[in-house]
Amino acid sequence: MRMTARSFLEQSALDYVRTARAKGLPEPAVAWRHVLRNALLPVVTVVGLQIGRHVRRSGAGGDIFSWPGLNTLLG
């Protein structure tokens, strides 16, 4: 949540958001279409990396993917 909020605030200060507001778009549209869509990119990246780390640490990588030696390789 903190990462999302920080990213949202960073994106809110950029030029394309000011342009959208200057065009007269309603604030919810600016927040959803412009700011939140771009603010979620780093959040999705970190979540994907965390899922990969959890699969690796669980030791289930070889069981899930049926690749012999995968757990040793990821180790």
PDB file of N, CA and C in Angstrom:
ATOM      1  N   MET A   1       0.828  -1.196   0.000  1.00  0.00           N
ATOM      2  CA  MET A   1       0.000   0.000   0.000  1.00  0.00           C
ATOM      3  C   MET A   1       0.871   1.258   0.000  1.00  0.00           C
ATOM      4  N   ARG A   2       1.953   1.217   0.766  1.00  0.00           N
ATOM      5  CA  ARG A   2       2.816   2.395   0.799  1.00  0.00           C
ATOM      6  C   ARG A   2       3.466   2.639  -0.556  1.00  0.00           C
ATOM      7  N   MET A   3       3.867   1.549  -1.208  1.00  0.00           N
ATOM      8  CA  MET A   3       4.484   1.689  -2.518  1.00  0.00           C
ATOM      9  C   MET A   3       3.485   2.245  -3.530  1.00  0.00           C
ATOM     10  N   THR A   4       2.248   1.772  -3.467  1.00  0.00           N
ATOM     11  CA  THR A   4       1.212   2.265  -4.364  1.00  0.00           C
ATOM     12  C   THR A   4       0.948   3.747  -4.110  1.00  0.00           C
ATOM     13  N   ALA A   5       0.858   4.125  -2.859  1.00  0.00           N
ATOM     14  CA  ALA A   5       0.593   5.532  -2.523  1.00  0.00           C
ATOM     15  C   ALA A   5       1.748   6.426  -2.966  1.00  0.00           C
ATOM     16  N   ARG A   6       2.968   5.978  -2.733  1.00  0.00           N
ATOM     17  CA  ARG A   6       4.128   6.780  -3.128  1.00  0.00           C
ATOM     18  C   ARG A   6       4.183   6.924  -4.655  1.00  0.00           C
ATOM     19  N   SER A   7       3.951   5.830  -5.348  1.00  0.00           N
ATOM     20  CA  SER A   7       3.964   5.857  -6.800  1.00  0.00           C
ATOM     21  C   SER A   7       2.829   6.737  -7.340  1.00  0.00           C
ATOM     22  N   PHE A   8       1.668   6.672  -6.705  1.00  0.00           N
ATOM     23  CA  PHE A   8       0.527   7.504  -7.096  1.00  0.00           C
ATOM     24  C   PHE A   8       0.882   8.985  -6.960  1.00  0.00           C
ATOM     25  N   LEU A   9       1.517   9.346  -5.855  1.00  0.00           N
ATOM     26  CA  LEU A   9       1.885  10.751  -5.651  1.00  0.00           C
ATOM     27  C   LEU A   9       2.939  11.202  -6.653  1.00  0.00           C
ATOM     28  N   GLU A  10       3.894  10.317  -6.972  1.00  0.00           N
ATOM     29  CA  GLU A  10       4.913  10.664  -7.951  1.00  0.00           C
ATOM     30  C   GLU A  10       4.293  10.888  -9.330  1.00  0.00           C
ATOM     31  N   GLN A  11       3.374  10.016  -9.710  1.00  0.00           N
ATOM     32  CA  GLN A  11       2.737  10.130 -11.015  1.00  0.00           C
ATOM     33  C   GLN A  11       1.822  11.348 -11.087  1.00  0.00           C
ATOM     34  N   SER A  12       1.236  11.726  -9.971  1.00  0.00           N
ATOM     35  CA  SER A  12       0.309  12.860  -9.954  1.00  0.00           C
ATOM     36  C   SER A  12       0.992  14.176 -10.285  1.00  0.00           C
ATOM     37  N   ALA A  13       2.293  14.246 -10.065  1.00  0.00           N
ATOM     38  CA  ALA A  13       3.010  15.497 -10.274  1.00  0.00           C
ATOM     39  C   ALA A  13       3.572  15.632 -11.686  1.00  0.00           C
ATOM     40  N   LEU A  14       3.356  14.646 -12.545  1.00  0.00           N
ATOM     41  CA  LEU A  14       3.951  14.683 -13.880  1.00  0.00           C
ATOM     42  C   LEU A  14       3.135  15.540 -14.847  1.00  0.00           C
ATOM     43  N   ASP A  15       3.797  15.918 -15.936  1.00  0.00           N
ATOM     44  CA  ASP A  15       3.205  16.861 -16.891  1.00  0.00           C
ATOM     45  C   ASP A  15       1.941  16.332 -17.558  1.00  0.00           C
ATOM     46  N   TYR A  16       1.914  15.056 -17.925  1.00  0.00           N
ATOM     47  CA  TYR A  16       0.744  14.556 -18.641  1.00  0.00           C
ATOM     48  C   TYR A  16      -0.504  14.566 -17.761  1.00  0.00           C
ATOM     49  N   VAL A  17      -0.335  14.481 -16.440  1.00  0.00           N
ATOM     50  CA  VAL A  17      -1.481  14.556 -15.535  1.00  0.00           C
ATOM     51  C   VAL A  17      -1.980  16.001 -15.461  1.00  0.00           C
ATOM     52  N   ARG A  18      -1.056  16.935 -15.411  1.00  0.00           N
ATOM     53  CA  ARG A  18      -1.451  18.343 -15.417  1.00  0.00           C
ATOM     54  C   ARG A  18      -2.157  18.704 -16.717  1.00  0.00           C
ATOM     55  N   THR A  19      -1.695  18.118 -17.826  1.00  0.00           N
ATOM     56  CA  THR A  19      -2.340  18.372 -19.110  1.00  0.00           C
ATOM     57  C   THR A  19      -3.765  17.829 -19.122  1.00  0.00           C
ATOM     58  N   ALA A  20      -3.939  16.618 -18.567  1.00  0.00           N
ATOM     59  CA  ALA A  20      -5.285  16.026 -18.513  1.00  0.00           C
ATOM     60  C   ALA A  20      -6.216  16.886 -17.667  1.00  0.00           C
ATOM     61  N   ARG A  21      -5.695  17.399 -16.568  1.00  0.00           N
ATOM     62  CA  ARG A  21      -6.522  18.271 -15.724  1.00  0.00           C
ATOM     63  C   ARG A  21      -6.835  19.577 -16.442  1.00  0.00           C
ATOM     64  N   ALA A  22      -5.860  20.108 -17.185  1.00  0.00           N
ATOM     65  CA  ALA A  22      -6.058  21.366 -17.902  1.00  0.00           C
ATOM     66  C   ALA A  22      -7.086  21.209 -19.016  1.00  0.00           C
ATOM     67  N   LYS A  23      -7.193  19.997 -19.578  1.00  0.00           N
ATOM     68  CA  LYS A  23      -8.196  19.749 -20.611  1.00  0.00           C
ATOM     69  C   LYS A  23      -9.602  19.717 -20.046  1.00  0.00           C
ATOM     70  N   GLY A  24      -9.717  19.632 -18.730  1.00  0.00           N
ATOM     71  CA  GLY A  24     -11.031  19.652 -18.100  1.00  0.00           C
ATOM     72  C   GLY A  24     -11.588  18.278 -17.770  1.00  0.00           C
ATOM     73  N   LEU A  25     -10.745  17.256 -17.784  1.00  0.00           N
ATOM     74  CA  LEU A  25     -11.229  15.925 -17.402  1.00  0.00           C
ATOM     75  C   LEU A  25     -11.596  15.911 -15.928  1.00  0.00           C
ATOM     76  N   PRO A  26     -12.644  15.190 -15.571  1.00  0.00           N
ATOM     77  CA  PRO A  26     -12.993  15.094 -14.153  1.00  0.00           C
ATOM     78  C   PRO A  26     -11.890  14.389 -13.367  1.00  0.00           C
ATOM     79  N   GLU A  27     -11.763  14.767 -12.120  1.00  0.00           N
ATOM     80  CA  GLU A  27     -10.675  14.232 -11.290  1.00  0.00           C
ATOM     81  C   GLU A  27     -10.694  12.704 -11.174  1.00  0.00           C
ATOM     82  N   PRO A  28     -11.851  12.049 -11.016  1.00  0.00           N
ATOM     83  CA  PRO A  28     -11.820  10.582 -10.980  1.00  0.00           C
ATOM     84  C   PRO A  28     -11.289   9.970 -12.278  1.00  0.00           C
ATOM     85  N   ALA A  29     -11.604  10.572 -13.390  1.00  0.00           N
ATOM     86  CA  ALA A  29     -11.091  10.059 -14.667  1.00  0.00           C
ATOM     87  C   ALA A  29      -9.584  10.225 -14.754  1.00  0.00           C
ATOM     88  N   VAL A  30      -9.090  11.344 -14.288  1.00  0.00           N
ATOM     89  CA  VAL A  30      -7.637  11.566 -14.287  1.00  0.00           C
ATOM     90  C   VAL A  30      -6.970  10.551 -13.374  1.00  0.00           C
ATOM     91  N   ALA A  31      -7.561  10.335 -12.204  1.00  0.00           N
ATOM     92  CA  ALA A  31      -6.956   9.412 -11.244  1.00  0.00           C
ATOM     93  C   ALA A  31      -6.943   7.983 -11.775  1.00  0.00           C
ATOM     94  N   TRP A  32      -8.040   7.521 -12.348  1.00  0.00           N
ATOM     95  CA  TRP A  32      -8.128   6.130 -12.809  1.00  0.00           C
ATOM     96  C   TRP A  32      -7.389   5.909 -14.114  1.00  0.00           C
ATOM     97  N   ARG A  33      -7.647   6.760 -15.105  1.00  0.00           N
ATOM     98  CA  ARG A  33      -7.106   6.523 -16.450  1.00  0.00           C
ATOM     99  C   ARG A  33      -5.639   6.866 -16.582  1.00  0.00           C
ATOM    100  N   HIS A  34      -5.208   7.912 -15.914  1.00  0.00           N
ATOM    101  CA  HIS A  34      -3.853   8.391 -16.130  1.00  0.00           C
ATOM    102  C   HIS A  34      -2.910   8.042 -14.985  1.00  0.00           C
ATOM    103  N   VAL A  35      -3.302   8.358 -13.785  1.00  0.00           N
ATOM    104  CA  VAL A  35      -2.377   8.211 -12.672  1.00  0.00           C
ATOM    105  C   VAL A  35      -2.285   6.768 -12.192  1.00  0.00           C
ATOM    106  N   LEU A  36      -3.403   6.161 -11.848  1.00  0.00           N
ATOM    107  CA  LEU A  36      -3.363   4.829 -11.249  1.00  0.00           C
ATOM    108  C   LEU A  36      -2.821   3.785 -12.214  1.00  0.00           C
ATOM    109  N   ARG A  37      -3.181   3.873 -13.477  1.00  0.00           N
ATOM    110  CA  ARG A  37      -2.694   2.904 -14.463  1.00  0.00           C
ATOM    111  C   ARG A  37      -1.169   2.898 -14.511  1.00  0.00           C
ATOM    112  N   ASN A  38      -0.554   4.065 -14.487  1.00  0.00           N
ATOM    113  CA  ASN A  38       0.901   4.147 -14.531  1.00  0.00           C
ATOM    114  C   ASN A  38       1.535   3.925 -13.167  1.00  0.00           C
ATOM    115  N   ALA A  39       0.816   4.212 -12.099  1.00  0.00           N
ATOM    116  CA  ALA A  39       1.358   4.005 -10.757  1.00  0.00           C
ATOM    117  C   ALA A  39       1.415   2.526 -10.395  1.00  0.00           C
ATOM    118  N   LEU A  40       0.590   1.703 -11.012  1.00  0.00           N
ATOM    119  CA  LEU A  40       0.570   0.280 -10.681  1.00  0.00           C
ATOM    120  C   LEU A  40       1.678  -0.520 -11.353  1.00  0.00           C
ATOM    121  N   LEU A  41       2.359   0.034 -12.336  1.00  0.00           N
ATOM    122  CA  LEU A  41       3.420  -0.700 -13.022  1.00  0.00           C
ATOM    123  C   LEU A  41       4.525  -1.173 -12.076  1.00  0.00           C
ATOM    124  N   PRO A  42       5.105  -0.306 -11.234  1.00  0.00           N
ATOM    125  CA  PRO A  42       6.130  -0.809 -10.321  1.00  0.00           C
ATOM    126  C   PRO A  42       5.571  -1.769  -9.276  1.00  0.00           C
ATOM    127  N   VAL A  43       4.338  -1.582  -8.881  1.00  0.00           N
ATOM    128  CA  VAL A  43       3.724  -2.469  -7.890  1.00  0.00           C
ATOM    129  C   VAL A  43       3.567  -3.874  -8.466  1.00  0.00           C
ATOM    130  N   VAL A  44       3.091  -3.971  -9.697  1.00  0.00           N
ATOM    131  CA  VAL A  44       2.924  -5.275 -10.341  1.00  0.00           C
ATOM    132  C   VAL A  44       4.276  -5.951 -10.523  1.00  0.00           C
ATOM    133  N   THR A  45       5.301  -5.190 -10.848  1.00  0.00           N
ATOM    134  CA  THR A  45       6.640  -5.753 -11.001  1.00  0.00           C
ATOM    135  C   THR A  45       7.132  -6.358  -9.696  1.00  0.00           C
ATOM    136  N   VAL A  46       6.992  -5.639  -8.611  1.00  0.00           N
ATOM    137  CA  VAL A  46       7.460  -6.137  -7.320  1.00  0.00           C
ATOM    138  C   VAL A  46       6.653  -7.354  -6.881  1.00  0.00           C
ATOM    139  N   VAL A  47       5.350  -7.347  -7.103  1.00  0.00           N
ATOM    140  CA  VAL A  47       4.512  -8.494  -6.732  1.00  0.00           C
ATOM    141  C   VAL A  47       4.940  -9.725  -7.522  1.00  0.00           C
ATOM    142  N   GLY A  48       5.217  -9.564  -8.806  1.00  0.00           N
ATOM    143  CA  GLY A  48       5.672 -10.689  -9.617  1.00  0.00           C
ATOM    144  C   GLY A  48       6.986 -11.253  -9.130  1.00  0.00           C
ATOM    145  N   LEU A  49       7.910 -10.385  -8.761  1.00  0.00           N
ATOM    146  CA  LEU A  49       9.182 -10.852  -8.225  1.00  0.00           C
ATOM    147  C   LEU A  49       9.003 -11.558  -6.884  1.00  0.00           C
ATOM    148  N   GLN A  50       8.099 -11.068  -6.061  1.00  0.00           N
ATOM    149  CA  GLN A  50       7.842 -11.703  -4.769  1.00  0.00           C
ATOM    150  C   GLN A  50       7.246 -13.096  -4.945  1.00  0.00           C
ATOM    151  N   ILE A  51       6.337 -13.248  -5.890  1.00  0.00           N
ATOM    152  CA  ILE A  51       5.741 -14.570  -6.141  1.00  0.00           C
ATOM    153  C   ILE A  51       6.821 -15.541  -6.586  1.00  0.00           C
ATOM    154  N   GLY A  52       7.696 -15.099  -7.474  1.00  0.00           N
ATOM    155  CA  GLY A  52       8.801 -15.956  -7.906  1.00  0.00           C
ATOM    156  C   GLY A  52       9.703 -16.352  -6.760  1.00  0.00           C
ATOM    157  N   ARG A  53       9.975 -15.423  -5.870  1.00  0.00           N
ATOM    158  CA  ARG A  53      10.830 -15.741  -4.732  1.00  0.00           C
ATOM    159  C   ARG A  53      10.152 -16.746  -3.805  1.00  0.00           C
ATOM    160  N   HIS A  54       8.853 -16.611  -3.595  1.00  0.00           N
ATOM    161  CA  HIS A  54       8.146 -17.535  -2.713  1.00  0.00           C
ATOM    162  C   HIS A  54       8.092 -18.937  -3.298  1.00  0.00           C
ATOM    163  N   VAL A  55       7.898 -19.032  -4.610  1.00  0.00           N
ATOM    164  CA  VAL A  55       7.908 -20.355  -5.250  1.00  0.00           C
ATOM    165  C   VAL A  55       9.283 -20.983  -5.111  1.00  0.00           C
ATOM    166  N   ARG A  56      10.327 -20.179  -5.298  1.00  0.00           N
ATOM    167  CA  ARG A  56      11.682 -20.696  -5.195  1.00  0.00           C
ATOM    168  C   ARG A  56      11.981 -21.162  -3.778  1.00  0.00           C
ATOM    169  N   ARG A  57      11.608 -20.375  -2.786  1.00  0.00           N
ATOM    170  CA  ARG A  57      11.912 -20.722  -1.400  1.00  0.00           C
ATOM    171  C   ARG A  57      11.053 -21.861  -0.862  1.00  0.00           C
ATOM    172  N   SER A  58       9.908 -22.081  -1.463  1.00  0.00           N
ATOM    173  CA  SER A  58       9.044 -23.145  -0.964  1.00  0.00           C
ATOM    174  C   SER A  58       9.586 -24.518  -1.311  1.00  0.00           C
ATOM    175  N   GLY A  59      10.472 -24.579  -2.283  1.00  0.00           N
ATOM    176  CA  GLY A  59      11.015 -25.868  -2.684  1.00  0.00           C
ATOM    177  C   GLY A  59      10.079 -26.644  -3.580  1.00  0.00           C
ATOM    178  N   ALA A  60       9.009 -26.019  -4.019  1.00  0.00           N
ATOM    179  CA  ALA A  60       8.023 -26.709  -4.838  1.00  0.00           C
ATOM    180  C   ALA A  60       8.266 -26.490  -6.317  1.00  0.00           C
ATOM    181  N   GLY A  61       9.334 -25.784  -6.659  1.00  0.00           N
ATOM    182  CA  GLY A  61       9.579 -25.500  -8.072  1.00  0.00           C
ATOM    183  C   GLY A  61       9.730 -26.759  -8.893  1.00  0.00           C
ATOM    184  N   GLY A  62      10.477 -27.734  -8.404  1.00  0.00           N
ATOM    185  CA  GLY A  62      10.642 -28.982  -9.140  1.00  0.00           C
ATOM    186  C   GLY A  62       9.365 -29.793  -9.192  1.00  0.00           C
ATOM    187  N   ASP A  63       8.554 -29.717  -8.156  1.00  0.00           N
ATOM    188  CA  ASP A  63       7.289 -30.456  -8.143  1.00  0.00           C
ATOM    189  C   ASP A  63       6.261 -29.820  -9.079  1.00  0.00           C
ATOM    190  N   ILE A  64       6.217 -28.505  -9.100  1.00  0.00           N
ATOM    191  CA  ILE A  64       5.226 -27.814  -9.912  1.00  0.00           C
ATOM    192  C   ILE A  64       5.554 -27.940 -11.393  1.00  0.00           C
ATOM    193  N   PHE A  65       6.806 -27.686 -11.757  1.00  0.00           N
ATOM    194  CA  PHE A  65       7.180 -27.650 -13.164  1.00  0.00           C
ATOM    195  C   PHE A  65       7.724 -28.978 -13.669  1.00  0.00           C
ATOM    196  N   SER A  66       7.938 -29.936 -12.797  1.00  0.00           N
ATOM    197  CA  SER A  66       8.453 -31.267 -13.139  1.00  0.00           C
ATOM    198  C   SER A  66       9.785 -31.193 -13.879  1.00  0.00           C
ATOM    199  N   TRP A  67      10.630 -30.288 -13.435  1.00  0.00           N
ATOM    200  CA  TRP A  67      11.966 -30.186 -14.007  1.00  0.00           C
ATOM    201  C   TRP A  67      12.953 -30.713 -12.974  1.00  0.00           C
ATOM    202  N   PRO A  68      13.618 -31.810 -13.247  1.00  0.00           N
ATOM    203  CA  PRO A  68      14.579 -32.352 -12.283  1.00  0.00           C
ATOM    204  C   PRO A  68      15.719 -31.369 -12.040  1.00  0.00           C
ATOM    205  N   GLY A  69      16.041 -31.168 -10.792  1.00  0.00           N
ATOM    206  CA  GLY A  69      17.146 -30.294 -10.428  1.00  0.00           C
ATOM    207  C   GLY A  69      16.816 -28.820 -10.384  1.00  0.00           C
ATOM    208  N   LEU A  70      15.566 -28.449 -10.569  1.00  0.00           N
ATOM    209  CA  LEU A  70      15.209 -27.044 -10.582  1.00  0.00           C
ATOM    210  C   LEU A  70      15.425 -26.413  -9.209  1.00  0.00           C
ATOM    211  N   ASN A  71      15.086 -27.127  -8.143  1.00  0.00           N
ATOM    212  CA  ASN A  71      15.272 -26.587  -6.792  1.00  0.00           C
ATOM    213  C   ASN A  71      16.746 -26.348  -6.497  1.00  0.00           C
ATOM    214  N   THR A  72      17.605 -27.246  -6.954  1.00  0.00           N
ATOM    215  CA  THR A  72      19.044 -27.071  -6.747  1.00  0.00           C
ATOM    216  C   THR A  72      19.549 -25.871  -7.548  1.00  0.00           C
ATOM    217  N   LEU A  73      19.061 -25.734  -8.767  1.00  0.00           N
ATOM    218  CA  LEU A  73      19.473 -24.630  -9.618  1.00  0.00           C
ATOM    219  C   LEU A  73      19.063 -23.279  -9.027  1.00  0.00           C
ATOM    220  N   LEU A  74      17.821 -23.196  -8.505  1.00  0.00           N
ATOM    221  CA  LEU A  74      17.325 -21.948  -7.946  1.00  0.00           C
ATOM    222  C   LEU A  74      17.876 -21.673  -6.566  1.00  0.00           C
ATOM    223  N   GLY A  75      18.229 -22.712  -5.876  1.00  0.00           N
ATOM    224  CA  GLY A  75      18.720 -22.804  -4.570  1.00  0.00           C
ATOM    225  C   GLY A  75      19.103 -21.814  -3.682  1.00  0.00           C
TER     226      GLY A  75
END
